[in-house]
Amino acid sequence: MGQLVQRNEIPALLKKLREENKTIVTTNGCFDILHVGHVRYLQKTKTFADVMIVCLNSDVSVKKIKGPDRPINNENDRAEILCALSCVDYVVMFDESSPENLLCEIKPDVHTKGADYTIETLPEAKSIIANGGRVEFITFVEGKSTTNVIKKIGEQSALKK
Protein backbone atom coordinates (compact mmCIF):
# COMPACT_ATOMS: atom_id res chain seq x y z
CA MET A 1 0.00 0.00 0.00
CA GLY A 2 1.29 3.41 -0.98
CA GLN A 3 1.87 6.35 1.29
CA LEU A 4 0.98 10.02 0.87
CA VAL A 5 4.02 12.16 1.61
CA GLN A 6 4.11 15.91 2.03
CA ARG A 7 6.27 17.91 -0.33
CA ASN A 8 8.60 18.93 2.53
CA GLU A 9 9.16 15.23 3.36
CA ILE A 10 10.58 14.45 -0.09
CA PRO A 11 14.26 15.21 0.70
CA ALA A 12 14.32 12.77 3.65
CA LEU A 13 12.47 10.11 1.63
CA LEU A 14 14.90 10.46 -1.28
CA LYS A 15 17.89 10.25 1.06
CA LYS A 16 16.53 7.00 2.55
CA LEU A 17 15.71 5.46 -0.84
CA ARG A 18 19.11 6.35 -2.30
CA GLU A 19 20.91 4.94 0.76
CA GLU A 20 19.02 1.70 0.06
CA ASN A 21 20.18 1.87 -3.61
CA LYS A 22 16.58 1.93 -4.83
CA THR A 23 15.82 3.08 -8.36
CA ILE A 24 12.99 5.61 -8.64
CA VAL A 25 10.35 6.04 -11.31
CA THR A 26 7.97 8.97 -11.33
CA THR A 27 4.85 9.83 -13.22
CA ASN A 28 2.39 12.63 -12.85
CA GLY A 29 -1.22 13.44 -13.50
CA CYS A 30 -4.64 14.35 -12.17
CA PHE A 31 -5.97 10.78 -11.85
CA ASP A 32 -9.41 12.30 -11.32
CA ILE A 33 -11.74 9.37 -12.00
CA LEU A 34 -9.57 6.27 -11.87
CA HIS A 35 -10.25 3.85 -14.74
CA VAL A 36 -8.60 0.80 -16.31
CA GLY A 37 -6.38 3.00 -18.49
CA HIS A 38 -4.91 4.63 -15.37
CA VAL A 39 -4.39 1.28 -13.66
CA ARG A 40 -2.57 -0.27 -16.62
CA TYR A 41 -0.48 2.88 -17.05
CA LEU A 42 0.54 2.86 -13.38
CA GLN A 43 1.29 -0.86 -13.42
CA LYS A 44 3.54 -0.40 -16.47
CA THR A 45 5.24 2.60 -14.81
CA LYS A 46 6.15 0.47 -11.78
CA THR A 47 8.05 -1.98 -14.02
CA PHE A 48 10.76 0.62 -14.71
CA ALA A 49 12.15 0.91 -11.14
CA ASP A 50 12.09 -0.35 -7.57
CA VAL A 51 9.98 2.53 -6.22
CA MET A 52 7.22 4.55 -7.88
CA ILE A 53 6.38 8.08 -6.83
CA VAL A 54 3.19 9.54 -8.29
CA CYS A 55 3.30 13.33 -8.53
CA LEU A 56 -0.38 14.21 -8.17
CA ASN A 57 -1.86 17.48 -9.37
CA SER A 58 -3.54 19.17 -6.39
CA ASP A 59 -7.07 20.56 -6.75
CA VAL A 60 -5.57 24.01 -7.40
CA SER A 61 -3.36 22.58 -10.15
CA VAL A 62 -6.19 20.59 -11.77
CA LYS A 63 -8.39 23.70 -11.96
CA LYS A 64 -5.52 25.60 -13.65
CA ILE A 65 -5.17 23.02 -16.41
CA LYS A 66 -8.65 21.42 -16.71
CA GLY A 67 -10.97 24.31 -15.82
CA PRO A 68 -13.29 25.29 -12.96
CA ASP A 69 -15.45 22.14 -13.11
CA ARG A 70 -12.57 19.83 -12.35
CA PRO A 71 -11.50 17.86 -10.48
CA ILE A 72 -14.54 15.69 -9.91
CA ASN A 73 -12.85 13.99 -6.92
CA ASN A 74 -10.89 16.08 -4.43
CA GLU A 75 -7.13 15.72 -3.98
CA ASN A 76 -7.35 13.74 -0.74
CA ASP A 77 -9.73 11.19 -2.26
CA ARG A 78 -7.58 10.89 -5.40
CA ALA A 79 -4.43 10.42 -3.30
CA GLU A 80 -6.08 7.76 -1.11
CA ILE A 81 -7.27 5.80 -4.14
CA LEU A 82 -3.79 5.91 -5.71
CA CYS A 83 -2.20 4.81 -2.43
CA ALA A 84 -4.53 1.79 -2.38
CA LEU A 85 -2.97 0.44 -5.59
CA SER A 86 -0.23 -2.12 -4.96
CA CYS A 87 1.99 -0.66 -7.69
CA VAL A 88 2.08 2.82 -6.10
CA ASP A 89 4.69 3.36 -3.38
CA TYR A 90 4.35 7.10 -2.72
CA VAL A 91 2.10 9.98 -3.74
CA VAL A 92 3.12 13.63 -3.43
CA MET A 93 0.94 16.57 -4.48
CA PHE A 94 2.00 19.70 -6.30
CA ASP A 95 0.16 22.99 -6.91
CA GLU A 96 1.91 24.16 -10.07
CA SER A 97 0.60 23.50 -13.59
CA SER A 98 3.72 21.44 -14.33
CA PRO A 99 5.54 18.95 -12.09
CA GLU A 100 8.90 20.23 -13.34
CA ASN A 101 10.07 21.80 -10.05
CA LEU A 102 9.11 18.70 -8.07
CA LEU A 103 10.79 16.42 -10.61
CA CYS A 104 13.98 18.51 -10.44
CA GLU A 105 13.94 17.86 -6.70
CA ILE A 106 13.25 14.13 -7.02
CA LYS A 107 15.66 13.50 -9.93
CA PRO A 108 14.08 10.17 -10.88
CA ASP A 109 15.95 7.46 -12.72
CA VAL A 110 12.93 7.16 -15.03
CA HIS A 111 9.88 9.34 -15.64
CA THR A 112 6.85 8.05 -17.54
CA LYS A 113 4.24 9.91 -19.50
CA GLY A 114 1.49 8.96 -21.93
CA ALA A 115 2.46 8.32 -25.54
CA ASP A 116 0.46 11.37 -26.63
CA TYR A 117 3.65 13.26 -25.68
CA THR A 118 7.11 13.13 -27.25
CA ILE A 119 10.50 14.20 -25.92
CA GLU A 120 9.96 17.46 -27.83
CA THR A 121 6.48 18.18 -26.44
CA LEU A 122 6.95 17.05 -22.82
CA PRO A 123 7.86 20.21 -20.86
CA GLU A 124 9.73 18.38 -18.09
CA ALA A 125 11.75 16.11 -20.42
CA LYS A 126 14.80 18.38 -20.59
CA SER A 127 14.99 18.60 -16.78
CA ILE A 128 14.64 14.82 -16.37
CA ILE A 129 17.44 14.17 -18.88
CA ALA A 130 19.65 16.99 -17.50
CA ASN A 131 19.38 15.36 -14.05
CA GLY A 132 20.52 11.97 -15.38
CA GLY A 133 17.13 10.32 -15.89
CA ARG A 134 15.33 9.00 -18.92
CA VAL A 135 11.73 9.32 -20.14
CA GLU A 136 9.55 6.37 -21.11
CA PHE A 137 6.29 6.86 -23.02
CA ILE A 138 3.39 4.51 -22.33
CA THR A 139 0.64 3.82 -24.86
CA PHE A 140 -2.86 4.62 -23.65
CA VAL A 141 -5.71 2.11 -23.52
CA GLU A 142 -7.88 3.13 -26.47
CA GLY A 143 -11.03 5.04 -25.50
CA LYS A 144 -10.27 5.07 -21.77
CA SER A 145 -10.06 8.57 -20.32
CA THR A 146 -11.61 10.61 -17.53
CA THR A 147 -13.09 12.91 -20.17
CA ASN A 148 -14.83 9.91 -21.80
CA VAL A 149 -16.14 8.71 -18.42
CA ILE A 150 -17.58 12.16 -17.67
CA LYS A 151 -19.12 12.33 -21.17
CA LYS A 152 -20.74 8.89 -20.76
CA ILE A 153 -22.19 9.86 -17.36
CA GLY A 154 -23.65 13.01 -18.97
CA GLU A 155 -25.18 10.99 -21.80
CA GLN A 156 -26.70 8.48 -19.35
CA SER A 157 -28.11 11.33 -17.29
CA ALA A 158 -29.67 12.95 -20.35
CA LEU A 159 -31.33 9.65 -21.37
CA LYS A 160 -33.01 9.31 -17.97
CA LYS A 161 -34.64 12.74 -18.12
C-alpha atoms as a PDB file:
ATOM      1  CA  MET A   1       0.000   0.000   0.000  1.00  0.00           C
ATOM      2  CA  GLY A   2       1.289   3.410  -0.984  1.00  0.00           C
ATOM      3  CA  GLN A   3       1.867   6.350   1.286  1.00  0.00           C
ATOM      4  CA  LEU A   4       0.978  10.016   0.875  1.00  0.00           C
ATOM      5  CA  VAL A   5       4.020  12.164   1.607  1.00  0.00           C
ATOM      6  CA  GLN A   6       4.110  15.912   2.027  1.00  0.00           C
ATOM      7  CA  ARG A   7       6.275  17.906  -0.331  1.00  0.00           C
ATOM      8  CA  ASN A   8       8.604  18.928   2.529  1.00  0.00           C
ATOM      9  CA  GLU A   9       9.158  15.225   3.357  1.00  0.00           C
ATOM     10  CA  ILE A  10      10.576  14.448  -0.094  1.00  0.00           C
ATOM     11  CA  PRO A  11      14.260  15.206   0.705  1.00  0.00           C
ATOM     12  CA  ALA A  12      14.319  12.768   3.647  1.00  0.00           C
ATOM     13  CA  LEU A  13      12.467  10.111   1.634  1.00  0.00           C
ATOM     14  CA  LEU A  14      14.896  10.455  -1.278  1.00  0.00           C
ATOM     15  CA  LYS A  15      17.892  10.246   1.063  1.00  0.00           C
ATOM     16  CA  LYS A  16      16.529   6.996   2.554  1.00  0.00           C
ATOM     17  CA  LEU A  17      15.710   5.460  -0.842  1.00  0.00           C
ATOM     18  CA  ARG A  18      19.110   6.350  -2.301  1.00  0.00           C
ATOM     19  CA  GLU A  19      20.909   4.942   0.762  1.00  0.00           C
ATOM     20  CA  GLU A  20      19.023   1.699   0.058  1.00  0.00           C
ATOM     21  CA  ASN A  21      20.179   1.875  -3.608  1.00  0.00           C
ATOM     22  CA  LYS A  22      16.583   1.928  -4.833  1.00  0.00           C
ATOM     23  CA  THR A  23      15.821   3.080  -8.358  1.00  0.00           C
ATOM     24  CA  ILE A  24      12.995   5.608  -8.639  1.00  0.00           C
ATOM     25  CA  VAL A  25      10.354   6.040 -11.313  1.00  0.00           C
ATOM     26  CA  THR A  26       7.967   8.971 -11.331  1.00  0.00           C
ATOM     27  CA  THR A  27       4.848   9.826 -13.224  1.00  0.00           C
ATOM     28  CA  ASN A  28       2.387  12.635 -12.847  1.00  0.00           C
ATOM     29  CA  GLY A  29      -1.218  13.440 -13.496  1.00  0.00           C
ATOM     30  CA  CYS A  30      -4.640  14.352 -12.170  1.00  0.00           C
ATOM     31  CA  PHE A  31      -5.968  10.782 -11.855  1.00  0.00           C
ATOM     32  CA  ASP A  32      -9.413  12.303 -11.315  1.00  0.00           C
ATOM     33  CA  ILE A  33     -11.736   9.369 -12.001  1.00  0.00           C
ATOM     34  CA  LEU A  34      -9.568   6.269 -11.875  1.00  0.00           C
ATOM     35  CA  HIS A  35     -10.249   3.847 -14.740  1.00  0.00           C
ATOM     36  CA  VAL A  36      -8.596   0.801 -16.306  1.00  0.00           C
ATOM     37  CA  GLY A  37      -6.376   3.000 -18.488  1.00  0.00           C
ATOM     38  CA  HIS A  38      -4.910   4.628 -15.374  1.00  0.00           C
ATOM     39  CA  VAL A  39      -4.392   1.277 -13.660  1.00  0.00           C
ATOM     40  CA  ARG A  40      -2.571  -0.270 -16.619  1.00  0.00           C
ATOM     41  CA  TYR A  41      -0.482   2.878 -17.048  1.00  0.00           C
ATOM     42  CA  LEU A  42       0.542   2.860 -13.377  1.00  0.00           C
ATOM     43  CA  GLN A  43       1.288  -0.863 -13.419  1.00  0.00           C
ATOM     44  CA  LYS A  44       3.537  -0.396 -16.466  1.00  0.00           C
ATOM     45  CA  THR A  45       5.240   2.596 -14.809  1.00  0.00           C
ATOM     46  CA  LYS A  46       6.147   0.467 -11.784  1.00  0.00           C
ATOM     47  CA  THR A  47       8.051  -1.982 -14.018  1.00  0.00           C
ATOM     48  CA  PHE A  48      10.763   0.625 -14.707  1.00  0.00           C
ATOM     49  CA  ALA A  49      12.154   0.911 -11.142  1.00  0.00           C
ATOM     50  CA  ASP A  50      12.085  -0.354  -7.568  1.00  0.00           C
ATOM     51  CA  VAL A  51       9.984   2.527  -6.222  1.00  0.00           C
ATOM     52  CA  MET A  52       7.220   4.550  -7.876  1.00  0.00           C
ATOM     53  CA  ILE A  53       6.376   8.085  -6.828  1.00  0.00           C
ATOM     54  CA  VAL A  54       3.193   9.543  -8.292  1.00  0.00           C
ATOM     55  CA  CYS A  55       3.300  13.335  -8.529  1.00  0.00           C
ATOM     56  CA  LEU A  56      -0.385  14.213  -8.171  1.00  0.00           C
ATOM     57  CA  ASN A  57      -1.858  17.484  -9.370  1.00  0.00           C
ATOM     58  CA  SER A  58      -3.544  19.175  -6.389  1.00  0.00           C
ATOM     59  CA  ASP A  59      -7.074  20.565  -6.753  1.00  0.00           C
ATOM     60  CA  VAL A  60      -5.569  24.010  -7.396  1.00  0.00           C
ATOM     61  CA  SER A  61      -3.361  22.577 -10.149  1.00  0.00           C
ATOM     62  CA  VAL A  62      -6.190  20.594 -11.773  1.00  0.00           C
ATOM     63  CA  LYS A  63      -8.387  23.699 -11.956  1.00  0.00           C
ATOM     64  CA  LYS A  64      -5.518  25.595 -13.653  1.00  0.00           C
ATOM     65  CA  ILE A  65      -5.172  23.016 -16.411  1.00  0.00           C
ATOM     66  CA  LYS A  66      -8.647  21.424 -16.709  1.00  0.00           C
ATOM     67  CA  GLY A  67     -10.971  24.308 -15.823  1.00  0.00           C
ATOM     68  CA  PRO A  68     -13.289  25.293 -12.962  1.00  0.00           C
ATOM     69  CA  ASP A  69     -15.454  22.142 -13.105  1.00  0.00           C
ATOM     70  CA  ARG A  70     -12.570  19.831 -12.348  1.00  0.00           C
ATOM     71  CA  PRO A  71     -11.496  17.863 -10.483  1.00  0.00           C
ATOM     72  CA  ILE A  72     -14.539  15.686  -9.907  1.00  0.00           C
ATOM     73  CA  ASN A  73     -12.855  13.991  -6.924  1.00  0.00           C
ATOM     74  CA  ASN A  74     -10.894  16.084  -4.433  1.00  0.00           C
ATOM     75  CA  GLU A  75      -7.132  15.717  -3.982  1.00  0.00           C
ATOM     76  CA  ASN A  76      -7.350  13.738  -0.740  1.00  0.00           C
ATOM     77  CA  ASP A  77      -9.727  11.189  -2.264  1.00  0.00           C
ATOM     78  CA  ARG A  78      -7.583  10.895  -5.400  1.00  0.00           C
ATOM     79  CA  ALA A  79      -4.428  10.416  -3.298  1.00  0.00           C
ATOM     80  CA  GLU A  80      -6.078   7.763  -1.114  1.00  0.00           C
ATOM     81  CA  ILE A  81      -7.271   5.796  -4.143  1.00  0.00           C
ATOM     82  CA  LEU A  82      -3.794   5.911  -5.710  1.00  0.00           C
ATOM     83  CA  CYS A  83      -2.204   4.808  -2.431  1.00  0.00           C
ATOM     84  CA  ALA A  84      -4.529   1.785  -2.379  1.00  0.00           C
ATOM     85  CA  LEU A  85      -2.974   0.440  -5.590  1.00  0.00           C
ATOM     86  CA  SER A  86      -0.232  -2.124  -4.962  1.00  0.00           C
ATOM     87  CA  CYS A  87       1.987  -0.662  -7.692  1.00  0.00           C
ATOM     88  CA  VAL A  88       2.080   2.821  -6.098  1.00  0.00           C
ATOM     89  CA  ASP A  89       4.685   3.362  -3.383  1.00  0.00           C
ATOM     90  CA  TYR A  90       4.351   7.099  -2.720  1.00  0.00           C
ATOM     91  CA  VAL A  91       2.100   9.979  -3.736  1.00  0.00           C
ATOM     92  CA  VAL A  92       3.115  13.625  -3.428  1.00  0.00           C
ATOM     93  CA  MET A  93       0.943  16.573  -4.475  1.00  0.00           C
ATOM     94  CA  PHE A  94       1.998  19.701  -6.303  1.00  0.00           C
ATOM     95  CA  ASP A  95       0.156  22.990  -6.905  1.00  0.00           C
ATOM     96  CA  GLU A  96       1.915  24.164 -10.069  1.00  0.00           C
ATOM     97  CA  SER A  97       0.600  23.504 -13.588  1.00  0.00           C
ATOM     98  CA  SER A  98       3.719  21.441 -14.334  1.00  0.00           C
ATOM     99  CA  PRO A  99       5.541  18.947 -12.089  1.00  0.00           C
ATOM    100  CA  GLU A 100       8.901  20.226 -13.342  1.00  0.00           C
ATOM    101  CA  ASN A 101      10.069  21.804 -10.046  1.00  0.00           C
ATOM    102  CA  LEU A 102       9.111  18.699  -8.073  1.00  0.00           C
ATOM    103  CA  LEU A 103      10.793  16.418 -10.612  1.00  0.00           C
ATOM    104  CA  CYS A 104      13.981  18.512 -10.442  1.00  0.00           C
ATOM    105  CA  GLU A 105      13.941  17.865  -6.704  1.00  0.00           C
ATOM    106  CA  ILE A 106      13.250  14.129  -7.022  1.00  0.00           C
ATOM    107  CA  LYS A 107      15.659  13.504  -9.932  1.00  0.00           C
ATOM    108  CA  PRO A 108      14.077  10.170 -10.876  1.00  0.00           C
ATOM    109  CA  ASP A 109      15.954   7.465 -12.719  1.00  0.00           C
ATOM    110  CA  VAL A 110      12.933   7.162 -15.034  1.00  0.00           C
ATOM    111  CA  HIS A 111       9.877   9.339 -15.638  1.00  0.00           C
ATOM    112  CA  THR A 112       6.855   8.050 -17.540  1.00  0.00           C
ATOM    113  CA  LYS A 113       4.235   9.910 -19.502  1.00  0.00           C
ATOM    114  CA  GLY A 114       1.494   8.963 -21.934  1.00  0.00           C
ATOM    115  CA  ALA A 115       2.464   8.321 -25.541  1.00  0.00           C
ATOM    116  CA  ASP A 116       0.460  11.370 -26.629  1.00  0.00           C
ATOM    117  CA  TYR A 117       3.646  13.259 -25.677  1.00  0.00           C
ATOM    118  CA  THR A 118       7.107  13.128 -27.250  1.00  0.00           C
ATOM    119  CA  ILE A 119      10.502  14.201 -25.923  1.00  0.00           C
ATOM    120  CA  GLU A 120       9.965  17.456 -27.826  1.00  0.00           C
ATOM    121  CA  THR A 121       6.481  18.178 -26.444  1.00  0.00           C
ATOM    122  CA  LEU A 122       6.948  17.048 -22.824  1.00  0.00           C
ATOM    123  CA  PRO A 123       7.860  20.212 -20.857  1.00  0.00           C
ATOM    124  CA  GLU A 124       9.728  18.376 -18.087  1.00  0.00           C
ATOM    125  CA  ALA A 125      11.751  16.106 -20.423  1.00  0.00           C
ATOM    126  CA  LYS A 126      14.805  18.384 -20.595  1.00  0.00           C
ATOM    127  CA  SER A 127      14.985  18.599 -16.782  1.00  0.00           C
ATOM    128  CA  ILE A 128      14.643  14.819 -16.373  1.00  0.00           C
ATOM    129  CA  ILE A 129      17.440  14.171 -18.875  1.00  0.00           C
ATOM    130  CA  ALA A 130      19.650  16.987 -17.500  1.00  0.00           C
ATOM    131  CA  ASN A 131      19.377  15.361 -14.054  1.00  0.00           C
ATOM    132  CA  GLY A 132      20.523  11.972 -15.381  1.00  0.00           C
ATOM    133  CA  GLY A 133      17.128  10.319 -15.887  1.00  0.00           C
ATOM    134  CA  ARG A 134      15.327   8.998 -18.916  1.00  0.00           C
ATOM    135  CA  VAL A 135      11.733   9.325 -20.140  1.00  0.00           C
ATOM    136  CA  GLU A 136       9.550   6.372 -21.113  1.00  0.00           C
ATOM    137  CA  PHE A 137       6.293   6.864 -23.017  1.00  0.00           C
ATOM    138  CA  ILE A 138       3.389   4.514 -22.334  1.00  0.00           C
ATOM    139  CA  THR A 139       0.640   3.819 -24.856  1.00  0.00           C
ATOM    140  CA  PHE A 140      -2.861   4.619 -23.648  1.00  0.00           C
ATOM    141  CA  VAL A 141      -5.708   2.113 -23.515  1.00  0.00           C
ATOM    142  CA  GLU A 142      -7.884   3.126 -26.470  1.00  0.00           C
ATOM    143  CA  GLY A 143     -11.035   5.036 -25.501  1.00  0.00           C
ATOM    144  CA  LYS A 144     -10.273   5.071 -21.773  1.00  0.00           C
ATOM    145  CA  SER A 145     -10.061   8.569 -20.317  1.00  0.00           C
ATOM    146  CA  THR A 146     -11.606  10.610 -17.527  1.00  0.00           C
ATOM    147  CA  THR A 147     -13.093  12.914 -20.171  1.00  0.00           C
ATOM    148  CA  ASN A 148     -14.834   9.915 -21.803  1.00  0.00           C
ATOM    149  CA  VAL A 149     -16.142   8.708 -18.422  1.00  0.00           C
ATOM    150  CA  ILE A 150     -17.585  12.162 -17.672  1.00  0.00           C
ATOM    151  CA  LYS A 151     -19.117  12.327 -21.171  1.00  0.00           C
ATOM    152  CA  LYS A 152     -20.745   8.891 -20.756  1.00  0.00           C
ATOM    153  CA  ILE A 153     -22.193   9.865 -17.364  1.00  0.00           C
ATOM    154  CA  GLY A 154     -23.648  13.008 -18.972  1.00  0.00           C
ATOM    155  CA  GLU A 155     -25.177  10.987 -21.803  1.00  0.00           C
ATOM    156  CA  GLN A 156     -26.699   8.476 -19.354  1.00  0.00           C
ATOM    157  CA  SER A 157     -28.114  11.334 -17.290  1.00  0.00           C
ATOM    158  CA  ALA A 158     -29.671  12.948 -20.349  1.00  0.00           C
ATOM    159  CA  LEU A 159     -31.328   9.654 -21.372  1.00  0.00           C
ATOM    160  CA  LYS A 160     -33.007   9.313 -17.971  1.00  0.00           C
ATOM    161  CA  LYS A 161     -34.639  12.744 -18.124  1.00  0.00           C
END
